[in-house]
PDB file of N, CA and C in Angstrom:
ATOM      1  N   GLY A   1      14.904  98.342-196.144  1.00  0.00           N
ATOM      2  CA  GLY A   1      15.303  98.389-197.526  1.00  0.00           C
ATOM      3  C   GLY A   1      16.369  97.073-197.367  1.00  0.00           C
ATOM      4  N   GLY A   2      16.754  96.783-198.814  1.00  0.00           N
ATOM      5  CA  GLY A   2      17.540  95.513-199.241  1.00  0.00           C
ATOM      6  C   GLY A   2      18.862  96.063-199.731  1.00  0.00           C
ATOM      7  N   TRP A   3      19.106  97.599-199.452  1.00  0.00           N
ATOM      8  CA  TRP A   3      20.301  98.098-200.229  1.00  0.00           C
ATOM      9  C   TRP A   3      21.608  97.585-199.261  1.00  0.00           C
ATOM     10  N   ASN A   4      21.718  97.010-198.274  1.00  0.00           N
ATOM     11  CA  ASN A   4      22.829  96.522-197.567  1.00  0.00           C
ATOM     12  C   ASN A   4      22.735  95.085-197.307  1.00  0.00           C
ATOM     13  N   GLN A   5      23.031  94.307-198.490  1.00  0.00           N
ATOM     14  CA  GLN A   5      22.808  92.901-198.274  1.00  0.00           C
ATOM     15  C   GLN A   5      23.483  92.213-197.008  1.00  0.00           C
ATOM     16  N   ARG A   6      24.729  92.779-197.051  1.00  0.00           N
ATOM     17  CA  ARG A   6      25.725  92.154-196.341  1.00  0.00           C
ATOM     18  C   ARG A   6      25.383  92.287-194.667  1.00  0.00           C
ATOM     19  N   GLY A   7      24.501  93.360-194.444  1.00  0.00           N
ATOM     20  CA  GLY A   7      24.460  93.532-193.053  1.00  0.00           C
ATOM     21  C   GLY A   7      23.492  92.824-192.424  1.00  0.00           C
ATOM     22  N   ARG A   8      22.741  92.047-193.190  1.00  0.00           N
ATOM     23  CA  ARG A   8      21.418  91.399-192.820  1.00  0.00           C
ATOM     24  C   ARG A   8      21.997  90.196-191.542  1.00  0.00           C
ATOM     25  N   GLY A   9      22.902  89.479-191.576  1.00  0.00           N
ATOM     26  CA  GLY A   9      23.039  88.501-190.655  1.00  0.00           C
ATOM     27  C   GLY A   9      24.126  89.051-189.542  1.00  0.00           C
ATOM     28  N   MET A  10      24.388  90.406-189.401  1.00  0.00           N
ATOM     29  CA  MET A  10      25.275  90.970-188.477  1.00  0.00           C
ATOM     30  C   MET A  10      24.268  91.399-187.174  1.00  0.00           C
ATOM     31  N   PRO A  11      24.724  91.102-185.924  1.00  0.00           N
ATOM     32  CA  PRO A  11      24.181  91.538-184.798  1.00  0.00           C
ATOM     33  C   PRO A  11      24.303  93.059-184.678  1.00  0.00           C
ATOM     34  N   ARG A  12      23.281  93.515-184.171  1.00  0.00           N
ATOM     35  CA  ARG A  12      23.044  95.067-183.836  1.00  0.00           C
ATOM     36  C   ARG A  12      24.106  95.534-183.185  1.00  0.00           C
ATOM     37  N   GLY A  13      24.882  96.916-183.612  1.00  0.00           N
ATOM     38  CA  GLY A  13      25.877  97.438-183.004  1.00  0.00           C
ATOM     39  C   GLY A  13      27.083  97.064-183.854  1.00  0.00           C
ATOM     40  N   GLY A  14      27.009  96.086-185.015  1.00  0.00           N
ATOM     41  CA  GLY A  14      28.186  95.874-185.773  1.00  0.00           C
ATOM     42  C   GLY A  14      28.996  97.051-186.353  1.00  0.00           C
ATOM     43  N   GLY A  15      28.056  98.127-186.568  1.00  0.00           N
ATOM     44  CA  GLY A  15      28.826  99.110-187.308  1.00  0.00           C
ATOM     45  C   GLY A  15      30.127  99.614-186.613  1.00  0.00           C
ATOM     46  N   ALA A  16      29.897  99.609-185.140  1.00  0.00           N
ATOM     47  CA  ALA A  16      31.309 100.055-184.402  1.00  0.00           C
ATOM     48  C   ALA A  16      32.497  99.335-184.790  1.00  0.00           C
ATOM     49  N   GLN A  17      32.131  97.947-184.860  1.00  0.00           N
ATOM     50  CA  GLN A  17      33.260  96.983-184.918  1.00  0.00           C
ATOM     51  C   GLN A  17      33.730  97.096-186.372  1.00  0.00           C
ATOM     52  N   GLN A  18      32.855  97.558-187.384  1.00  0.00           N
ATOM     53  CA  GLN A  18      33.481  97.759-188.536  1.00  0.00           C
ATOM     54  C   GLN A  18      34.357  98.955-188.772  1.00  0.00           C
ATOM     55  N   TYR A  19      34.012  99.789-187.865  1.00  0.00           N
ATOM     56  CA  TYR A  19      34.707 101.372-187.968  1.00  0.00           C
ATOM     57  C   TYR A  19      35.849 101.064-187.246  1.00  0.00           C
ATOM     58  N   ARG A  20      35.941 100.194-186.309  1.00  0.00           N
ATOM     59  CA  ARG A  20      37.379  99.882-185.526  1.00  0.00           C
ATOM     60  C   ARG A  20      38.208  99.106-186.521  1.00  0.00           C
ATOM     61  N   GLN A  21      37.615  98.181-187.468  1.00  0.00           N
ATOM     62  CA  GLN A  21      38.441  97.385-188.277  1.00  0.00           C
ATOM     63  C   GLN A  21      39.087  98.415-189.443  1.00  0.00           C
ATOM     64  N   ALA A  22      38.150  99.335-189.619  1.00  0.00           N
ATOM     65  CA  ALA A  22      38.718 100.361-190.661  1.00  0.00           C
ATOM     66  C   ALA A  22      39.857 101.225-190.286  1.00  0.00           C
ATOM     67  N   GLN A  23      39.961 101.319-188.925  1.00  0.00           N
ATOM     68  CA  GLN A  23      40.934 102.359-188.439  1.00  0.00           C
ATOM     69  C   GLN A  23      42.138 101.306-188.181  1.00  0.00           C
ATOM     70  N   THR A  24      42.127 100.023-188.007  1.00  0.00           N
ATOM     71  CA  THR A  24      43.474  99.334-187.939  1.00  0.00           C
ATOM     72  C   THR A  24      43.941  98.883-189.224  1.00  0.00           C
ATOM     73  N   ILE A  25      43.420  99.084-190.367  1.00  0.00           N
ATOM     74  CA  ILE A  25      43.875  98.844-191.535  1.00  0.00           C
ATOM     75  C   ILE A  25      45.178  99.198-191.874  1.00  0.00           C
ATOM     76  N   HIS A  26      45.411 100.507-191.455  1.00  0.00           N
ATOM     77  CA  HIS A  26      46.548 101.340-191.439  1.00  0.00           C
ATOM     78  C   HIS A  26      47.773 100.975-190.762  1.00  0.00           C
ATOM     79  N   GLN A  27      47.617 100.021-190.013  1.00  0.00           N
ATOM     80  CA  GLN A  27      48.775  99.545-189.276  1.00  0.00           C
ATOM     81  C   GLN A  27      49.579  98.265-189.852  1.00  0.00           C
ATOM     82  N   LYS A  28      50.655  98.507-190.252  1.00  0.00           N
ATOM     83  CA  LYS A  28      51.399  97.605-191.074  1.00  0.00           C
ATOM     84  C   LYS A  28      51.572  96.453-190.335  1.00  0.00           C
ATOM     85  N   GLU A  29      51.531  95.122-191.006  1.00  0.00           N
ATOM     86  CA  GLU A  29      51.682  93.781-190.383  1.00  0.00           C
ATOM     87  C   GLU A  29      53.115  93.903-189.542  1.00  0.00           C
ATOM     88  N   ASP A  30      54.168  94.511-190.018  1.00  0.00           N
ATOM     89  CA  ASP A  30      55.443  94.430-189.376  1.00  0.00           C
ATOM     90  C   ASP A  30      55.893  95.004-188.538  1.00  0.00           C
ATOM     91  N   GLY A  31      54.822  95.356-187.631  1.00  0.00           N
ATOM     92  CA  GLY A  31      55.198  96.218-186.357  1.00  0.00           C
ATOM     93  C   GLY A  31      54.603  97.470-186.403  1.00  0.00           C
ATOM     94  N   GLY A  32      53.818  98.074-187.673  1.00  0.00           N
ATOM     95  CA  GLY A  32      53.333  99.125-187.654  1.00  0.00           C
ATOM     96  C   GLY A  32      54.026 100.347-187.773  1.00  0.00           C
ATOM     97  N   VAL A  33      55.215 100.363-188.421  1.00  0.00           N
ATOM     98  CA  VAL A  33      56.085 101.522-188.746  1.00  0.00           C
ATOM     99  C   VAL A  33      55.644 102.053-190.017  1.00  0.00           C
ATOM    100  N   LEU A  34      55.430 103.418-190.258  1.00  0.00           N
ATOM    101  CA  LEU A  34      54.922 103.650-191.706  1.00  0.00           C
ATOM    102  C   LEU A  34      56.097 104.341-192.153  1.00  0.00           C
ATOM    103  N   THR A  35      56.312 104.055-193.407  1.00  0.00           N
ATOM    104  CA  THR A  35      57.354 104.613-194.269  1.00  0.00           C
ATOM    105  C   THR A  35      56.777 105.671-195.356  1.00  0.00           C
ATOM    106  N   ALA A  36      57.746 106.339-195.809  1.00  0.00           N
ATOM    107  CA  ALA A  36      57.403 107.382-196.524  1.00  0.00           C
ATOM    108  C   ALA A  36      56.619 106.766-197.828  1.00  0.00           C
ATOM    109  N   GLU A  37      57.155 105.822-198.219  1.00  0.00           N
ATOM    110  CA  GLU A  37      56.566 104.905-199.532  1.00  0.00           C
ATOM    111  C   GLU A  37      55.135 104.813-199.266  1.00  0.00           C
ATOM    112  N   ALA A  38      54.853 103.994-198.183  1.00  0.00           N
ATOM    113  CA  ALA A  38      53.458 103.932-197.644  1.00  0.00           C
ATOM    114  C   ALA A  38      52.541 104.996-197.657  1.00  0.00           C
ATOM    115  N   LEU A  39      53.041 105.955-197.014  1.00  0.00           N
ATOM    116  CA  LEU A  39      52.328 107.226-196.919  1.00  0.00           C
ATOM    117  C   LEU A  39      52.221 107.740-198.554  1.00  0.00           C
ATOM    118  N   ALA A  40      52.976 107.838-199.286  1.00  0.00           N
ATOM    119  CA  ALA A  40      52.953 108.485-200.748  1.00  0.00           C
ATOM    120  C   ALA A  40      51.628 107.707-201.449  1.00  0.00           C
ATOM    121  N   ALA A  41      51.404 106.447-201.065  1.00  0.00           N
ATOM    122  CA  ALA A  41      50.440 105.710-201.554  1.00  0.00           C
ATOM    123  C   ALA A  41      48.985 106.198-201.291  1.00  0.00           C
ATOM    124  N   MET A  42      48.811 106.747-200.045  1.00  0.00           N
ATOM    125  CA  MET A  42      47.630 106.934-199.320  1.00  0.00           C
ATOM    126  C   MET A  42      47.090 108.425-199.836  1.00  0.00           C
ATOM    127  N   SER A  43      45.945 108.598-199.714  1.00  0.00           N
ATOM    128  CA  SER A  43      45.133 109.974-199.777  1.00  0.00           C
ATOM    129  C   SER A  43      45.613 110.761-198.674  1.00  0.00           C
ATOM    130  N   PRO A  44      45.530 112.061-198.979  1.00  0.00           N
ATOM    131  CA  PRO A  44      46.066 112.983-197.778  1.00  0.00           C
ATOM    132  C   PRO A  44      45.258 112.855-196.488  1.00  0.00           C
ATOM    133  N   GLN A  45      43.675 112.448-196.486  1.00  0.00           N
ATOM    134  CA  GLN A  45      43.123 112.004-195.224  1.00  0.00           C
ATOM    135  C   GLN A  45      43.645 110.807-194.635  1.00  0.00           C
ATOM    136  N   ASP A  46      43.995 109.853-195.547  1.00  0.00           N
ATOM    137  CA  ASP A  46      44.492 108.541-194.966  1.00  0.00           C
ATOM    138  C   ASP A  46      45.920 108.688-194.454  1.00  0.00           C
ATOM    139  N   GLN A  47      46.676 109.600-194.983  1.00  0.00           N
ATOM    140  CA  GLN A  47      47.894 109.865-194.395  1.00  0.00           C
ATOM    141  C   GLN A  47      47.808 110.562-193.079  1.00  0.00           C
ATOM    142  N   LYS A  48      47.031 111.347-192.897  1.00  0.00           N
ATOM    143  CA  LYS A  48      46.740 112.062-191.547  1.00  0.00           C
ATOM    144  C   LYS A  48      46.069 111.048-190.591  1.00  0.00           C
ATOM    145  N   ASN A  49      45.154 110.146-191.077  1.00  0.00           N
ATOM    146  CA  ASN A  49      44.694 109.031-189.933  1.00  0.00           C
ATOM    147  C   ASN A  49      45.831 108.284-189.655  1.00  0.00           C
ATOM    148  N   ALA A  50      46.750 107.787-190.597  1.00  0.00           N
ATOM    149  CA  ALA A  50      47.612 106.803-190.265  1.00  0.00           C
ATOM    150  C   ALA A  50      48.888 107.417-189.466  1.00  0.00           C
ATOM    151  N   LEU A  51      49.119 108.736-189.695  1.00  0.00           N
ATOM    152  CA  LEU A  51      50.207 109.291-188.887  1.00  0.00           C
ATOM    153  C   LEU A  51      49.639 109.766-187.344  1.00  0.00           C
ATOM    154  N   GLY A  52      48.165 109.997-187.405  1.00  0.00           N
ATOM    155  CA  GLY A  52      47.767 110.445-186.221  1.00  0.00           C
ATOM    156  C   GLY A  52      47.438 109.135-185.342  1.00  0.00           C
ATOM    157  N   GLU A  53      47.184 108.003-185.749  1.00  0.00           N
ATOM    158  CA  GLU A  53      47.263 106.823-184.962  1.00  0.00           C
ATOM    159  C   GLU A  53      48.587 106.481-184.514  1.00  0.00           C
ATOM    160  N   GLN A  54      49.577 106.635-185.132  1.00  0.00           N
ATOM    161  CA  GLN A  54      50.903 106.297-184.726  1.00  0.00           C
ATOM    162  C   GLN A  54      51.305 107.295-183.397  1.00  0.00           C
ATOM    163  N   LEU A  55      51.129 108.283-183.963  1.00  0.00           N
ATOM    164  CA  LEU A  55      51.608 109.573-182.830  1.00  0.00           C
ATOM    165  C   LEU A  55      50.697 109.485-181.765  1.00  0.00           C
ATOM    166  N   TYR A  56      49.525 109.215-181.853  1.00  0.00           N
ATOM    167  CA  TYR A  56      48.563 109.004-180.620  1.00  0.00           C
ATOM    168  C   TYR A  56      49.181 107.970-179.688  1.00  0.00           C
ATOM    169  N   HIS A  57      49.495 106.777-180.143  1.00  0.00           N
ATOM    170  CA  HIS A  57      50.023 105.795-179.558  1.00  0.00           C
ATOM    171  C   HIS A  57      51.263 106.246-178.522  1.00  0.00           C
ATOM    172  N   LYS A  58      52.092 107.142-179.413  1.00  0.00           N
ATOM    173  CA  LYS A  58      53.526 107.151-178.863  1.00  0.00           C
ATOM    174  C   LYS A  58      53.142 108.339-177.778  1.00  0.00           C
ATOM    175  N   ILE A  59      52.197 109.335-177.922  1.00  0.00           N
ATOM    176  CA  ILE A  59      52.018 110.193-177.106  1.00  0.00           C
ATOM    177  C   ILE A  59      51.173 109.819-175.747  1.00  0.00           C
ATOM    178  N   HIS A  60      50.213 109.060-175.887  1.00  0.00           N
ATOM    179  CA  HIS A  60      49.411 108.390-174.996  1.00  0.00           C
ATOM    180  C   HIS A  60      50.402 107.514-173.782  1.00  0.00           C
ATOM    181  N   THR A  61      51.315 107.159-174.106  1.00  0.00           N
ATOM    182  CA  THR A  61      52.281 106.506-173.162  1.00  0.00           C
ATOM    183  C   THR A  61      52.754 107.594-172.070  1.00  0.00           C
ATOM    184  N   THR A  62      53.031 108.599-172.405  1.00  0.00           N
ATOM    185  CA  THR A  62      53.572 109.595-171.658  1.00  0.00           C
ATOM    186  C   THR A  62      52.692 110.667-171.205  1.00  0.00           C
ATOM    187  N   HIS A  63      51.734 110.859-172.060  1.00  0.00           N
ATOM    188  CA  HIS A  63      50.517 111.974-171.662  1.00  0.00           C
ATOM    189  C   HIS A  63      49.249 111.709-172.024  1.00  0.00           C
ATOM    190  N   PRO A  64      48.797 110.702-171.289  1.00  0.00           N
ATOM    191  CA  PRO A  64      47.506 110.361-171.558  1.00  0.00           C
ATOM    192  C   PRO A  64      46.362 111.195-171.458  1.00  0.00           C
ATOM    193  N   GLU A  65      46.321 112.082-170.604  1.00  0.00           N
ATOM    194  CA  GLU A  65      45.327 113.075-170.544  1.00  0.00           C
ATOM    195  C   GLU A  65      45.280 114.225-171.889  1.00  0.00           C
ATOM    196  N   GLN A  66      46.186 114.447-172.313  1.00  0.00           N
ATOM    197  CA  GLN A  66      46.394 115.405-173.410  1.00  0.00           C
ATOM    198  C   GLN A  66      46.661 114.761-174.912  1.00  0.00           C
ATOM    199  N   SER A  67      46.986 113.377-174.944  1.00  0.00           N
ATOM    200  CA  SER A  67      47.346 112.589-176.057  1.00  0.00           C
ATOM    201  C   SER A  67      46.392 113.377-177.258  1.00  0.00           C
ATOM    202  N   ALA A  68      44.993 113.530-177.033  1.00  0.00           N
ATOM    203  CA  ALA A  68      44.313 113.680-178.237  1.00  0.00           C
ATOM    204  C   ALA A  68      44.613 115.053-178.822  1.00  0.00           C
ATOM    205  N   LYS A  69      44.805 116.070-177.931  1.00  0.00           N
ATOM    206  CA  LYS A  69      44.959 117.452-178.081  1.00  0.00           C
ATOM    207  C   LYS A  69      46.274 117.577-178.925  1.00  0.00           C
ATOM    208  N   ILE A  70      47.282 117.021-178.214  1.00  0.00           N
ATOM    209  CA  ILE A  70      48.689 117.183-178.927  1.00  0.00           C
ATOM    210  C   ILE A  70      48.609 116.334-179.937  1.00  0.00           C
ATOM    211  N   THR A  71      48.115 115.211-180.444  1.00  0.00           N
ATOM    212  CA  THR A  71      48.396 114.694-181.784  1.00  0.00           C
ATOM    213  C   THR A  71      47.472 115.436-182.832  1.00  0.00           C
ATOM    214  N   GLY A  72      46.252 116.150-182.304  1.00  0.00           N
ATOM    215  CA  GLY A  72      45.690 117.071-183.105  1.00  0.00           C
ATOM    216  C   GLY A  72      46.508 118.081-183.546  1.00  0.00           C
ATOM    217  N   MET A  73      47.357 118.727-182.623  1.00  0.00           N
ATOM    218  CA  MET A  73      48.175 119.907-182.720  1.00  0.00           C
ATOM    219  C   MET A  73      49.396 119.558-183.935  1.00  0.00           C
ATOM    220  N   LEU A  74      50.009 118.311-183.464  1.00  0.00           N
ATOM    221  CA  LEU A  74      51.209 117.797-184.400  1.00  0.00           C
ATOM    222  C   LEU A  74      50.652 117.671-185.667  1.00  0.00           C
ATOM    223  N   LEU A  75      49.515 116.978-186.101  1.00  0.00           N
ATOM    224  CA  LEU A  75      48.887 116.876-187.459  1.00  0.00           C
ATOM    225  C   LEU A  75      48.664 117.879-188.050  1.00  0.00           C
ATOM    226  N   GLU A  76      48.789 119.288-187.482  1.00  0.00           N
ATOM    227  CA  GLU A  76      48.621 120.431-188.497  1.00  0.00           C
ATOM    228  C   GLU A  76      49.861 120.546-189.126  1.00  0.00           C
ATOM    229  N   MET A  77      51.016 120.080-188.656  1.00  0.00           N
ATOM    230  CA  MET A  77      52.003 120.077-189.576  1.00  0.00           C
ATOM    231  C   MET A  77      52.355 119.475-190.828  1.00  0.00           C
ATOM    232  N   ASP A  78      53.287 119.702-191.615  1.00  0.00           N
ATOM    233  CA  ASP A  78      53.292 119.117-192.834  1.00  0.00           C
ATOM    234  C   ASP A  78      53.737 117.633-192.730  1.00  0.00           C
ATOM    235  N   VAL A  79      52.957 116.857-193.629  1.00  0.00           N
ATOM    236  CA  VAL A  79      53.197 115.308-193.587  1.00  0.00           C
ATOM    237  C   VAL A  79      54.659 114.946-193.149  1.00  0.00           C
ATOM    238  N   SER A  80      55.371 115.366-194.222  1.00  0.00           N
ATOM    239  CA  SER A  80      57.002 114.987-193.993  1.00  0.00           C
ATOM    240  C   SER A  80      57.510 115.131-192.435  1.00  0.00           C
ATOM    241  N   GLU A  81      56.927 116.466-191.988  1.00  0.00           N
ATOM    242  CA  GLU A  81      57.531 116.716-190.557  1.00  0.00           C
ATOM    243  C   GLU A  81      57.082 115.888-189.798  1.00  0.00           C
ATOM    244  N   THR A  82      55.616 115.713-189.902  1.00  0.00           N
ATOM    245  CA  THR A  82      55.004 114.590-188.939  1.00  0.00           C
ATOM    246  C   THR A  82      55.658 113.416-188.778  1.00  0.00           C
ATOM    247  N   LEU A  83      55.943 112.626-190.196  1.00  0.00           N
ATOM    248  CA  LEU A  83      56.637 111.491-190.248  1.00  0.00           C
ATOM    249  C   LEU A  83      57.899 111.514-189.546  1.00  0.00           C
ATOM    250  N   ASN A  84      58.821 112.575-189.722  1.00  0.00           N
ATOM    251  CA  ASN A  84      59.937 112.702-189.146  1.00  0.00           C
ATOM    252  C   ASN A  84      60.123 112.564-187.547  1.00  0.00           C
ATOM    253  N   LEU A  85      58.821 113.161-187.060  1.00  0.00           N
ATOM    254  CA  LEU A  85      58.609 112.965-185.511  1.00  0.00           C
ATOM    255  C   LEU A  85      58.424 111.609-185.110  1.00  0.00           C
ATOM    256  N   LEU A  86      57.906 110.567-185.901  1.00  0.00           N
ATOM    257  CA  LEU A  86      57.800 109.145-185.723  1.00  0.00           C
ATOM    258  C   LEU A  86      58.913 108.589-185.907  1.00  0.00           C
ATOM    259  N   GLU A  87      60.043 109.006-186.700  1.00  0.00           N
ATOM    260  CA  GLU A  87      61.334 108.339-186.809  1.00  0.00           C
ATOM    261  C   GLU A  87      62.153 108.916-185.674  1.00  0.00           C
ATOM    262  N   SER A  88      61.978 110.084-185.155  1.00  0.00           N
ATOM    263  CA  SER A  88      63.131 110.728-184.194  1.00  0.00           C
ATOM    264  C   SER A  88      62.328 110.901-182.780  1.00  0.00           C
ATOM    265  N   PRO A  89      62.627 110.111-181.890  1.00  0.00           N
ATOM    266  CA  PRO A  89      61.807 110.251-180.652  1.00  0.00           C
ATOM    267  C   PRO A  89      62.369 111.356-180.002  1.00  0.00           C
ATOM    268  N   ASP A  90      63.508 111.875-180.123  1.00  0.00           N
ATOM    269  CA  ASP A  90      64.019 113.196-179.342  1.00  0.00           C
ATOM    270  C   ASP A  90      63.121 114.521-180.100  1.00  0.00           C
ATOM    271  N   VAL A  91      63.227 114.585-181.258  1.00  0.00           N
ATOM    272  CA  VAL A  91      62.053 115.473-181.982  1.00  0.00           C
ATOM    273  C   VAL A  91      60.554 115.515-181.626  1.00  0.00           C
ATOM    274  N   LEU A  92      60.238 114.389-181.283  1.00  0.00           N
ATOM    275  CA  LEU A  92      58.888 114.248-180.910  1.00  0.00           C
ATOM    276  C   LEU A  92      58.629 114.682-179.574  1.00  0.00           C
ATOM    277  N   GLN A  93      59.629 114.306-178.499  1.00  0.00           N
ATOM    278  CA  GLN A  93      59.515 114.862-177.159  1.00  0.00           C
ATOM    279  C   GLN A  93      59.778 116.452-177.365  1.00  0.00           C
ATOM    280  N   ALA A  94      60.284 116.945-178.097  1.00  0.00           N
ATOM    281  CA  ALA A  94      60.641 118.429-178.033  1.00  0.00           C
ATOM    282  C   ALA A  94      59.291 118.924-178.631  1.00  0.00           C
ATOM    283  N   LYS A  95      58.689 118.512-179.666  1.00  0.00           N
ATOM    284  CA  LYS A  95      57.504 118.854-179.981  1.00  0.00           C
ATOM    285  C   LYS A  95      56.134 118.765-178.973  1.00  0.00           C
ATOM    286  N   ILE A  96      56.475 117.568-178.411  1.00  0.00           N
ATOM    287  CA  ILE A  96      55.307 117.254-177.143  1.00  0.00           C
ATOM    288  C   ILE A  96      55.612 118.551-176.279  1.00  0.00           C
ATOM    289  N   SER A  97      56.538 118.738-175.883  1.00  0.00           N
ATOM    290  CA  SER A  97      57.091 119.879-174.713  1.00  0.00           C
ATOM    291  C   SER A  97      56.318 121.152-175.163  1.00  0.00           C
ATOM    292  N   GLU A  98      56.660 121.347-176.599  1.00  0.00           N
ATOM    293  CA  GLU A  98      56.132 122.824-177.044  1.00  0.00           C
ATOM    294  C   GLU A  98      54.469 122.769-177.121  1.00  0.00           C
ATOM    295  N   ALA A  99      54.104 121.725-177.514  1.00  0.00           N
ATOM    296  CA  ALA A  99      52.364 121.571-177.367  1.00  0.00           C
ATOM    297  C   ALA A  99      51.891 121.870-176.164  1.00  0.00           C
ATOM    298  N   LEU A 100      52.686 121.046-175.176  1.00  0.00           N
ATOM    299  CA  LEU A 100      52.026 121.147-173.624  1.00  0.00           C
ATOM    300  C   LEU A 100      52.232 122.582-173.248  1.00  0.00           C
ATOM    301  N   LEU A 101      53.655 123.366-173.573  1.00  0.00           N
ATOM    302  CA  LEU A 101      53.452 124.913-173.281  1.00  0.00           C
ATOM    303  C   LEU A 101      52.273 125.673-173.922  1.00  0.00           C
ATOM    304  N   VAL A 102      51.831 125.170-175.078  1.00  0.00           N
ATOM    305  CA  VAL A 102      51.053 126.126-175.675  1.00  0.00           C
ATOM    306  C   VAL A 102      49.550 125.614-175.058  1.00  0.00           C
ATOM    307  N   LEU A 103      49.306 124.614-174.733  1.00  0.00           N
ATOM    308  CA  LEU A 103      47.872 124.220-174.290  1.00  0.00           C
ATOM    309  C   LEU A 103      48.065 124.588-172.713  1.00  0.00           C
ATOM    310  N   LYS A 104      49.150 124.946-171.972  1.00  0.00           N
ATOM    311  CA  LYS A 104      49.024 125.470-170.607  1.00  0.00           C
ATOM    312  C   LYS A 104      48.823 126.876-170.797  1.00  0.00           C
ATOM    313  N   ALA A 105      49.434 127.710-171.754  1.00  0.00           N
ATOM    314  CA  ALA A 105      49.188 129.152-171.882  1.00  0.00           C
ATOM    315  C   ALA A 105      47.860 129.243-172.402  1.00  0.00           C
ATOM    316  N   HIS A 106      47.398 128.336-173.304  1.00  0.00           N
ATOM    317  CA  HIS A 106      45.886 128.484-173.733  1.00  0.00           C
ATOM    318  C   HIS A 106      44.786 128.361-172.117  1.00  0.00           C
ATOM    319  N   GLU A 107      45.304 127.338-171.751  1.00  0.00           N
ATOM    320  CA  GLU A 107      44.260 127.138-170.393  1.00  0.00           C
ATOM    321  C   GLU A 107      44.389 128.081-169.482  1.00  0.00           C
ATOM    322  N   SER A 108      45.454 128.843-169.241  1.00  0.00           N
ATOM    323  CA  SER A 108      45.701 129.941-168.109  1.00  0.00           C
ATOM    324  C   SER A 108      45.112 131.206-168.890  1.00  0.00           C
ATOM    325  N   SER A 109      45.134 131.550-170.234  1.00  0.00           N
ATOM    326  CA  SER A 109      44.390 132.607-170.573  1.00  0.00           C
ATOM    327  C   SER A 109      42.757 132.318-170.677  1.00  0.00           C
ATOM    328  N   GLN A 110      42.367 131.205-170.757  1.00  0.00           N
ATOM    329  CA  GLN A 110      40.948 130.852-170.579  1.00  0.00           C
ATOM    330  C   GLN A 110      40.305 131.202-169.090  1.00  0.00           C
ATOM    331  N   LYS A 111      41.260 130.931-168.141  1.00  0.00           N
ATOM    332  CA  LYS A 111      40.922 131.432-166.743  1.00  0.00           C
ATOM    333  C   LYS A 111      40.768 132.707-166.471  1.00  0.00           C
ATOM    334  N   ASN A 112      41.571 133.339-167.019  1.00  0.00           N
ATOM    335  CA  ASN A 112      41.595 134.980-166.652  1.00  0.00           C
ATOM    336  C   ASN A 112      40.175 135.720-167.325  1.00  0.00           C
TER     337      ASN A 112
END
């Protein structure tokens, strides 16, 4: 079908590249710090994506194995609370520790 004219000259597998580009749109050019104003202009889903991306990178440096799970847990909080985590490393570390305790408790309950 000719419904996607732009896709004709693309190599196969170009869709994944497009997806990656779409994900990096949220990173601001000035170093990637999200502001409340920037978030306010986004849809709720874009807010979660942008916050999740930022959180994931911060968490991944210290807890690579659990970074995806922890990020998901933190994104269940209110957007303003999540933004606060990005601005306050100490608060973020405390929340990560909390999340790790919850994960450990969950894992040990799974074993029994």
